[in-house]
Amino acid sequence: MNPFHMNRTTHTILLYPFLSLNFFMAKSDSFFIRASTVIGNTTAFNQEEISLGAYVSALGKSVLRIHNIAVSMTDATGTSATLKDDESAAAQFQLTTQSQDDTVLPSNRAVIASGMVNCVNQEGGASVASVVSQDFDNLPQLWTNGYLVATESIYLGGEASAGFAEPVTCSIVMECTVETMTQASAMALSLSQQ
């Protein structure tokens, strides 16, 4: 049976309850932006710029909407970073719309996302963490309507403590879409950031 029925006399489209008007609207496809930065193991802040010039245009009124972010803290090859013998360690990241000299609080208007992981090696000798916790902060980031960005660059930064036996790499994958800036999105930007 056809999911909608056209009444010939009134030309009214009747929708079945399982369909919504979104079924008939065009949607843009999302894409992914990936980035990594070596945050080390010396408690020194490190940061890399992520260029958004291909997506954000003030003249073209296009903005980037970040729908969610997945974050990993690894060694240089993508596997678990090793901790020193009987040591605890912490690593944190931040994604911001402005360059930073050090880690800032999530309440800073430039912060898009931040996260922290704490771990301890209770084994004899250097090894991967015995216990890991991200309860202090949440590494995956997910917003109901996404996070609008109108800057031509964003910055991935972070730091890791000396309890790690090797430098820590922070990698992110962001699911994004590009949209034309409307009056509503301009208001949302002015209220949240930049």
Protein backbone atom coordinates (compact mmCIF):
# COMPACT_ATOMS: atom_id res chain seq x y z
CA MET A 1 0.00 0.00 0.00
CA ASN A 2 1.18 3.51 -0.79
CA PRO A 3 2.39 5.37 2.38
CA PHE A 4 0.28 8.40 1.46
CA HIS A 5 -2.99 8.78 -0.31
CA MET A 6 -4.04 11.58 -2.66
CA ASN A 7 -7.70 12.47 -2.49
CA ARG A 8 -8.65 13.38 -6.10
CA THR A 9 -11.38 15.83 -5.25
CA THR A 10 -9.54 17.98 -2.70
CA HIS A 11 -5.92 17.19 -3.58
CA THR A 12 -5.06 16.78 0.09
CA ILE A 13 -2.14 14.57 1.04
CA LEU A 14 -2.93 12.32 3.98
CA LEU A 15 0.12 11.07 5.84
CA TYR A 16 0.21 7.82 7.67
CA PRO A 17 1.07 8.15 11.38
CA PHE A 18 4.50 6.55 10.98
CA LEU A 19 5.66 9.28 8.59
CA SER A 20 6.59 12.80 9.57
CA LEU A 21 7.07 15.90 7.48
CA ASN A 22 10.84 15.42 7.95
CA PHE A 23 10.49 12.43 5.62
CA PHE A 24 9.91 14.89 2.77
CA MET A 25 12.52 17.51 3.72
CA ALA A 26 16.03 17.54 2.29
CA LYS A 27 18.77 16.95 4.85
CA SER A 28 22.45 17.68 4.44
CA ASP A 29 24.91 14.90 5.06
CA SER A 30 27.24 15.10 8.02
CA PHE A 31 30.98 14.73 7.66
CA PHE A 32 33.86 14.14 10.05
CA ILE A 33 36.83 16.30 11.00
CA ARG A 34 39.72 14.47 12.65
CA ALA A 35 42.66 15.98 14.54
CA SER A 36 45.40 14.93 16.95
CA THR A 37 47.85 16.77 19.16
CA VAL A 38 50.68 15.44 21.30
CA ILE A 39 49.93 16.68 24.82
CA GLY A 40 53.10 15.08 26.18
CA ASN A 41 53.80 13.91 29.72
CA THR A 42 55.47 16.94 31.33
CA THR A 43 52.40 18.90 32.55
CA ALA A 44 53.20 21.53 29.91
CA PHE A 45 50.25 22.78 27.84
CA ASN A 46 50.38 21.90 24.13
CA GLN A 47 48.00 23.03 21.39
CA GLU A 48 47.39 22.59 17.65
CA GLU A 49 45.28 24.73 15.33
CA ILE A 50 42.50 23.10 13.29
CA SER A 51 41.71 25.18 10.21
CA LEU A 52 38.01 25.53 9.38
CA GLY A 53 38.46 27.91 6.43
CA ALA A 54 37.00 25.33 4.05
CA TYR A 55 33.76 25.22 6.06
CA VAL A 56 33.28 28.64 7.69
CA SER A 57 32.87 31.82 5.65
CA ALA A 58 31.83 35.19 7.04
CA LEU A 59 31.05 36.52 3.55
CA GLY A 60 29.18 33.39 2.51
CA LYS A 61 27.42 33.28 5.89
CA SER A 62 28.27 29.62 6.39
CA VAL A 63 28.91 28.20 9.86
CA LEU A 64 29.99 24.82 11.16
CA ARG A 65 27.71 22.84 13.46
CA ILE A 66 29.49 20.22 15.59
CA HIS A 67 27.00 17.51 16.52
CA ASN A 68 29.24 15.32 18.66
CA ILE A 69 32.86 14.66 19.49
CA ALA A 70 34.65 11.40 20.29
CA VAL A 71 37.99 11.72 22.10
CA SER A 72 40.79 9.27 22.80
CA MET A 73 43.94 9.58 24.91
CA THR A 74 46.61 7.19 23.57
CA ASP A 75 50.31 6.79 22.89
CA ALA A 76 51.80 7.92 19.54
CA THR A 77 50.57 4.76 17.76
CA GLY A 78 46.97 4.82 19.04
CA THR A 79 47.35 2.17 21.75
CA SER A 80 47.15 2.64 25.52
CA ALA A 81 49.75 4.99 26.96
CA THR A 82 52.08 3.35 29.48
CA LEU A 83 52.30 4.60 33.06
CA LYS A 84 55.41 4.49 35.22
CA ASP A 85 55.74 1.83 37.95
CA ASP A 86 53.16 2.37 40.74
CA GLU A 87 52.24 5.88 39.51
CA SER A 88 49.04 7.79 38.98
CA ALA A 89 48.53 10.12 36.03
CA ALA A 90 46.01 12.51 34.51
CA ALA A 91 45.45 13.86 31.01
CA GLN A 92 43.04 16.56 29.90
CA PHE A 93 42.05 18.19 26.65
CA GLN A 94 40.14 21.26 25.54
CA LEU A 95 38.71 22.32 22.20
CA THR A 96 38.39 26.11 21.96
CA THR A 97 37.46 28.84 19.49
CA GLN A 98 40.47 30.96 20.54
CA SER A 99 44.13 30.09 21.06
CA GLN A 100 45.07 29.49 24.71
CA ASP A 101 48.34 29.59 26.66
CA ASP A 102 47.18 27.09 29.27
CA THR A 103 44.22 24.94 30.25
CA VAL A 104 41.12 27.03 30.98
CA LEU A 105 37.92 26.26 32.86
CA PRO A 106 34.94 24.88 30.90
CA SER A 107 33.09 28.08 31.89
CA ASN A 108 35.40 30.07 29.58
CA ARG A 109 33.31 31.27 26.61
CA ALA A 110 35.94 30.00 24.14
CA VAL A 111 35.55 26.37 25.28
CA ILE A 112 33.62 24.10 22.93
CA ALA A 113 34.45 20.88 24.78
CA SER A 114 36.80 19.59 27.45
CA GLY A 115 37.56 16.32 29.14
CA MET A 116 39.82 14.60 31.64
CA VAL A 117 40.97 11.09 32.35
CA ASN A 118 42.64 9.91 35.58
CA CYS A 119 44.47 6.61 35.89
CA VAL A 120 46.76 4.61 38.13
CA ASN A 121 49.21 1.77 37.56
CA GLN A 122 49.04 -0.62 40.52
CA GLU A 123 51.20 -3.25 38.83
CA GLY A 124 54.91 -3.79 39.34
CA GLY A 125 56.84 -2.14 36.52
CA ALA A 126 55.73 0.21 33.77
CA SER A 127 52.46 -0.87 32.18
CA VAL A 128 49.07 0.36 31.02
CA ALA A 129 46.72 1.68 33.69
CA SER A 130 45.14 -0.76 36.15
CA VAL A 131 42.34 1.70 36.93
CA VAL A 132 40.99 4.46 34.66
CA SER A 133 38.31 7.02 35.43
CA GLN A 134 36.69 9.75 33.40
CA ASP A 135 34.09 10.47 36.10
CA PHE A 136 35.52 13.95 36.72
CA ASP A 137 34.74 15.01 33.16
CA ASN A 138 33.16 13.43 30.11
CA LEU A 139 35.33 12.69 27.07
CA PRO A 140 32.48 12.07 24.58
CA GLN A 141 30.63 15.30 23.85
CA LEU A 142 27.07 15.28 22.53
CA TRP A 143 24.70 18.23 22.22
CA THR A 144 20.97 18.20 21.47
CA ASN A 145 21.15 20.78 18.65
CA GLY A 146 24.88 20.80 18.00
CA TYR A 147 27.44 23.50 18.73
CA LEU A 148 27.74 26.36 16.22
CA VAL A 149 31.22 27.61 15.29
CA ALA A 150 31.82 30.71 13.17
CA THR A 151 35.59 31.07 13.60
CA GLU A 152 38.00 30.08 10.83
CA SER A 153 40.10 28.04 13.27
CA ILE A 154 39.56 26.07 16.44
CA TYR A 155 42.26 24.82 18.80
CA LEU A 156 42.85 21.39 20.29
CA GLY A 157 45.03 21.61 23.39
CA GLY A 158 45.82 19.74 26.55
CA GLU A 159 48.38 18.44 28.97
CA ALA A 160 49.32 15.19 30.67
CA SER A 161 51.13 14.53 33.93
CA ALA A 162 54.57 13.04 34.45
CA GLY A 163 53.07 9.75 35.70
CA PHE A 164 52.90 8.66 32.07
CA ALA A 165 56.03 6.85 30.89
CA GLU A 166 55.58 8.21 27.35
CA PRO A 167 54.00 11.24 25.68
CA VAL A 168 50.20 11.14 25.42
CA THR A 169 48.39 11.93 22.15
CA CYS A 170 44.88 13.36 22.21
CA SER A 171 42.80 12.58 19.11
CA ILE A 172 39.30 13.77 18.29
CA VAL A 173 36.70 12.92 15.67
CA MET A 174 33.95 15.52 15.23
CA GLU A 175 30.69 14.88 13.38
CA CYS A 176 29.80 18.15 11.63
CA THR A 177 27.50 19.81 9.14
CA VAL A 178 27.76 23.19 7.40
CA GLU A 179 24.77 25.51 7.27
CA THR A 180 23.88 29.02 6.24
CA MET A 181 23.82 31.43 9.15
CA THR A 182 20.30 32.56 9.96
CA GLN A 183 19.20 35.26 12.38
CA ALA A 184 18.51 32.54 14.95
CA SER A 185 21.95 30.96 14.58
CA ALA A 186 23.58 34.41 14.78
CA MET A 187 21.78 34.97 18.09
CA ALA A 188 22.85 31.55 19.36
CA LEU A 189 26.47 32.34 18.48
CA SER A 190 26.38 35.69 20.23
CA LEU A 191 24.95 34.12 23.38
CA SER A 192 27.40 31.24 23.56
CA GLN A 193 30.83 32.22 22.30
CA GLN A 194 33.21 34.01 19.97
